[in-house]
Amino acid sequence: MSLQKILPDYPDIHVEVVIDYGLTDIAAKGIDAGVRPGGMVAKGMIAVPIGPTMRMAVVATPEYFKRYGKPKTPQDLTEHNCINLRLPTHGGLYTWEFDEDGHDLRVRVDGQLIVGTGSALLTAALSGLGLAYLPENEVRLPLASGKLARVLTKWCEPFSGYHLYYPSRRQHSAAFTVLLGALRLRSTAGR
């Protein structure tokens, strides 16, 4: 999905993009739609896949691992300096999620630093401030260059990627209907 490919065909459509790590209630705020990983879409919403499956990665600098060792299991993270992400409307700090033999495992990590964005999380990890939990695609280049190293790979299973979601009981504007139709066409063409 790319707005660059959709918007030129529809010059009367105007899109406002708001980046918010909080889990905003779009229906209450009067927002037409949002984008979230599929597993984080609220009940009662219609969700349209707009991206591939995703996978998380636990990363830190090679220097961090030399100094403190590598966690061997997700539970070992409680003994490490982990960089937390605060989600303002999600009730606090993001809990790291893993899969252990087909069972969901959530680990509340602790550390010296809490940040509010994924880019700050990546910057902190690259600075050697601790372990970070980020989408695999965001750390691909630092991993390839050796600036970061990855651990706990077998516990980071793929999950449903990004979805456009919107309330099921709302009359949508003509512009939103056109945008939604274009996104649906593009998401099914890419499969």
Protein backbone atom coordinates (compact mmCIF):
# COMPACT_ATOMS: atom_id res chain seq x y z
CA MET A 1 0.00 0.00 0.00
CA SER A 2 1.34 3.39 -0.93
CA LEU A 3 -0.43 6.70 -0.71
CA GLN A 4 1.93 7.89 -3.47
CA LYS A 5 0.20 5.49 -5.83
CA ILE A 6 -3.36 6.18 -4.66
CA LEU A 7 -3.64 9.93 -4.05
CA PRO A 8 -2.55 11.22 -7.50
CA ASP A 9 -5.54 9.42 -9.03
CA TYR A 10 -7.91 11.18 -6.59
CA PRO A 11 -6.91 14.87 -6.27
CA ASP A 12 -10.06 15.70 -4.25
CA ILE A 13 -9.10 13.32 -1.43
CA HIS A 14 -7.18 14.85 1.49
CA VAL A 15 -5.52 12.59 4.05
CA GLU A 16 -4.27 13.66 7.45
CA VAL A 17 -1.72 11.26 8.96
CA VAL A 18 -1.23 11.32 12.73
CA ILE A 19 1.51 9.17 14.25
CA ASP A 20 0.51 8.19 17.75
CA TYR A 21 1.94 5.27 19.70
CA GLY A 22 -1.05 5.35 22.01
CA LEU A 23 -3.94 3.07 21.21
CA THR A 24 -6.37 5.85 20.42
CA ASP A 25 -10.09 5.09 20.29
CA ILE A 26 -10.67 6.28 16.72
CA ALA A 27 -14.47 5.99 16.97
CA ALA A 28 -14.59 8.27 20.02
CA LYS A 29 -12.24 10.78 18.37
CA GLY A 30 -14.18 10.87 15.10
CA ILE A 31 -11.23 9.53 13.10
CA ASP A 32 -12.14 7.65 9.93
CA ALA A 33 -9.49 4.92 10.21
CA GLY A 34 -6.27 3.84 11.84
CA VAL A 35 -3.35 1.54 11.15
CA ARG A 36 -2.17 -1.09 13.64
CA PRO A 37 -0.72 -4.58 13.65
CA GLY A 38 -3.60 -7.02 13.20
CA GLY A 39 -3.43 -8.36 16.75
CA MET A 40 -3.89 -4.87 18.20
CA VAL A 41 -7.09 -3.95 16.36
CA ALA A 42 -9.93 -3.32 18.80
CA LYS A 43 -13.00 -5.56 18.78
CA GLY A 44 -15.89 -4.32 16.68
CA MET A 45 -13.61 -2.84 14.02
CA ILE A 46 -13.30 -3.91 10.41
CA ALA A 47 -9.67 -4.66 9.56
CA VAL A 48 -8.12 -4.76 6.08
CA PRO A 49 -4.57 -6.14 5.73
CA ILE A 50 -2.28 -3.57 4.10
CA GLY A 51 1.12 -5.14 4.71
CA PRO A 52 2.99 -8.41 5.01
CA THR A 53 3.30 -10.47 8.17
CA MET A 54 5.76 -9.08 10.71
CA ARG A 55 8.24 -10.40 13.21
CA MET A 56 9.80 -8.75 16.24
CA ALA A 57 13.50 -8.80 17.09
CA VAL A 58 15.36 -8.46 20.41
CA VAL A 59 18.57 -6.56 19.69
CA ALA A 60 21.50 -4.83 21.34
CA THR A 61 25.02 -3.83 20.37
CA PRO A 62 27.71 -6.53 20.26
CA GLU A 63 29.48 -4.53 23.01
CA TYR A 64 26.44 -4.83 25.28
CA PHE A 65 26.44 -8.61 24.84
CA LYS A 66 30.20 -8.84 25.47
CA ARG A 67 29.76 -6.97 28.74
CA TYR A 68 26.53 -8.51 30.05
CA GLY A 69 26.09 -11.78 28.14
CA LYS A 70 23.16 -12.89 26.02
CA PRO A 71 19.76 -13.91 27.37
CA LYS A 72 19.02 -17.52 26.45
CA THR A 73 15.26 -17.40 27.14
CA PRO A 74 12.70 -14.58 27.29
CA GLN A 75 12.58 -14.99 31.09
CA ASP A 76 16.31 -14.07 31.21
CA LEU A 77 15.38 -10.57 30.02
CA THR A 78 14.44 -9.68 33.60
CA GLU A 79 18.18 -9.80 34.39
CA HIS A 80 19.08 -7.37 31.58
CA ASN A 81 18.89 -3.64 30.99
CA CYS A 82 15.96 -3.42 28.57
CA ILE A 83 14.81 -0.21 26.90
CA ASN A 84 11.08 0.20 27.47
CA LEU A 85 8.50 1.79 25.19
CA ARG A 86 5.70 3.77 26.83
CA LEU A 87 2.34 3.60 25.07
CA PRO A 88 0.37 6.56 26.45
CA THR A 89 -3.14 5.13 26.15
CA HIS A 90 -2.21 1.47 26.44
CA GLY A 91 -1.86 1.62 30.21
CA GLY A 92 1.84 2.05 30.57
CA LEU A 93 4.89 0.22 29.31
CA TYR A 94 4.75 -2.16 26.39
CA THR A 95 5.06 -5.81 27.45
CA TRP A 96 7.40 -7.83 25.23
CA GLU A 97 5.56 -10.69 23.54
CA PHE A 98 7.02 -14.07 22.60
CA ASP A 99 5.89 -17.50 21.50
CA GLU A 100 7.04 -20.52 23.49
CA ASP A 101 6.07 -23.83 21.91
CA GLY A 102 2.82 -22.39 20.57
CA HIS A 103 1.94 -20.54 23.80
CA ASP A 104 1.94 -16.78 24.14
CA LEU A 105 4.48 -15.52 26.64
CA ARG A 106 4.57 -11.92 27.85
CA VAL A 107 7.58 -10.54 29.69
CA ARG A 108 7.57 -7.28 31.61
CA VAL A 109 11.10 -5.98 31.25
CA ASP A 110 12.92 -3.34 33.23
CA GLY A 111 15.76 -0.99 32.51
CA GLN A 112 17.20 2.45 32.96
CA LEU A 113 15.50 4.05 29.95
CA ILE A 114 11.92 4.51 28.80
CA VAL A 115 11.20 6.12 25.41
CA GLY A 116 8.04 7.11 23.56
CA THR A 117 8.81 6.21 19.92
CA GLY A 118 10.27 3.38 17.90
CA SER A 119 12.94 5.66 16.44
CA ALA A 120 14.08 6.64 19.95
CA LEU A 121 14.13 2.95 20.88
CA LEU A 122 16.37 2.15 17.91
CA THR A 123 18.67 5.11 18.64
CA ALA A 124 19.04 4.02 22.26
CA ALA A 125 19.86 0.45 21.26
CA LEU A 126 22.44 1.64 18.72
CA SER A 127 23.96 3.77 21.48
CA GLY A 128 24.53 0.67 23.60
CA LEU A 129 21.98 1.56 26.28
CA GLY A 130 20.42 -1.90 26.46
CA LEU A 131 18.22 -4.43 24.71
CA ALA A 132 15.42 -3.24 22.43
CA TYR A 133 12.33 -5.00 21.09
CA LEU A 134 11.60 -3.73 17.59
CA PRO A 135 10.00 -4.90 14.33
CA GLU A 136 12.50 -6.96 12.34
CA ASN A 137 12.24 -4.70 9.29
CA GLU A 138 13.36 -1.69 11.38
CA VAL A 139 16.60 -3.39 12.47
CA ARG A 140 17.51 -5.21 9.26
CA LEU A 141 20.22 -2.70 8.21
CA PRO A 142 21.88 -2.33 11.65
CA LEU A 143 21.94 -6.14 11.94
CA ALA A 144 23.47 -6.54 8.47
CA SER A 145 26.17 -3.95 9.24
CA GLY A 146 27.02 -5.54 12.60
CA LYS A 147 25.95 -2.48 14.62
CA LEU A 148 23.34 -4.62 16.36
CA ALA A 149 23.14 -8.32 17.18
CA ARG A 150 19.98 -10.35 17.67
CA VAL A 151 18.96 -12.84 20.35
CA LEU A 152 15.91 -14.99 21.16
CA THR A 153 15.06 -15.44 17.47
CA LYS A 154 13.22 -18.74 17.96
CA TRP A 155 10.79 -17.06 20.37
CA CYS A 156 9.89 -14.27 17.92
CA GLU A 157 7.29 -15.87 15.67
CA PRO A 158 5.70 -14.07 12.69
CA PHE A 159 2.40 -12.33 13.36
CA SER A 160 -0.30 -10.51 11.44
CA GLY A 161 1.12 -7.35 9.85
CA TYR A 162 -0.36 -3.89 9.58
CA HIS A 163 -4.08 -3.47 9.00
CA LEU A 164 -6.18 -0.46 8.16
CA TYR A 165 -9.07 -0.58 10.60
CA TYR A 166 -12.27 1.40 10.95
CA PRO A 167 -15.57 1.31 12.83
CA SER A 168 -18.16 -1.03 11.36
CA ARG A 169 -21.14 1.14 12.31
CA ARG A 170 -20.39 4.47 10.77
CA GLN A 171 -21.46 6.13 7.55
CA HIS A 172 -18.23 6.72 5.65
CA SER A 173 -17.50 9.68 3.42
CA ALA A 174 -17.26 9.13 -0.33
CA ALA A 175 -13.54 9.95 -0.16
CA PHE A 176 -12.92 7.32 2.53
CA THR A 177 -14.88 4.74 0.54
CA VAL A 178 -12.72 5.43 -2.55
CA LEU A 179 -9.51 5.24 -0.50
CA LEU A 180 -10.63 2.01 1.17
CA GLY A 181 -11.51 0.45 -2.18
CA ALA A 182 -8.10 1.36 -3.61
CA LEU A 183 -6.32 -0.08 -0.57
CA ARG A 184 -8.31 -3.31 -0.77
CA LEU A 185 -7.50 -3.70 -4.46
CA ARG A 186 -3.79 -3.14 -3.84
CA SER A 187 -3.64 -5.47 -0.81
CA THR A 188 -5.27 -8.35 -2.72
CA ALA A 189 -3.12 -7.73 -5.83
CA GLY A 190 0.05 -8.11 -3.74
CA ARG A 191 -0.85 -11.59 -2.44
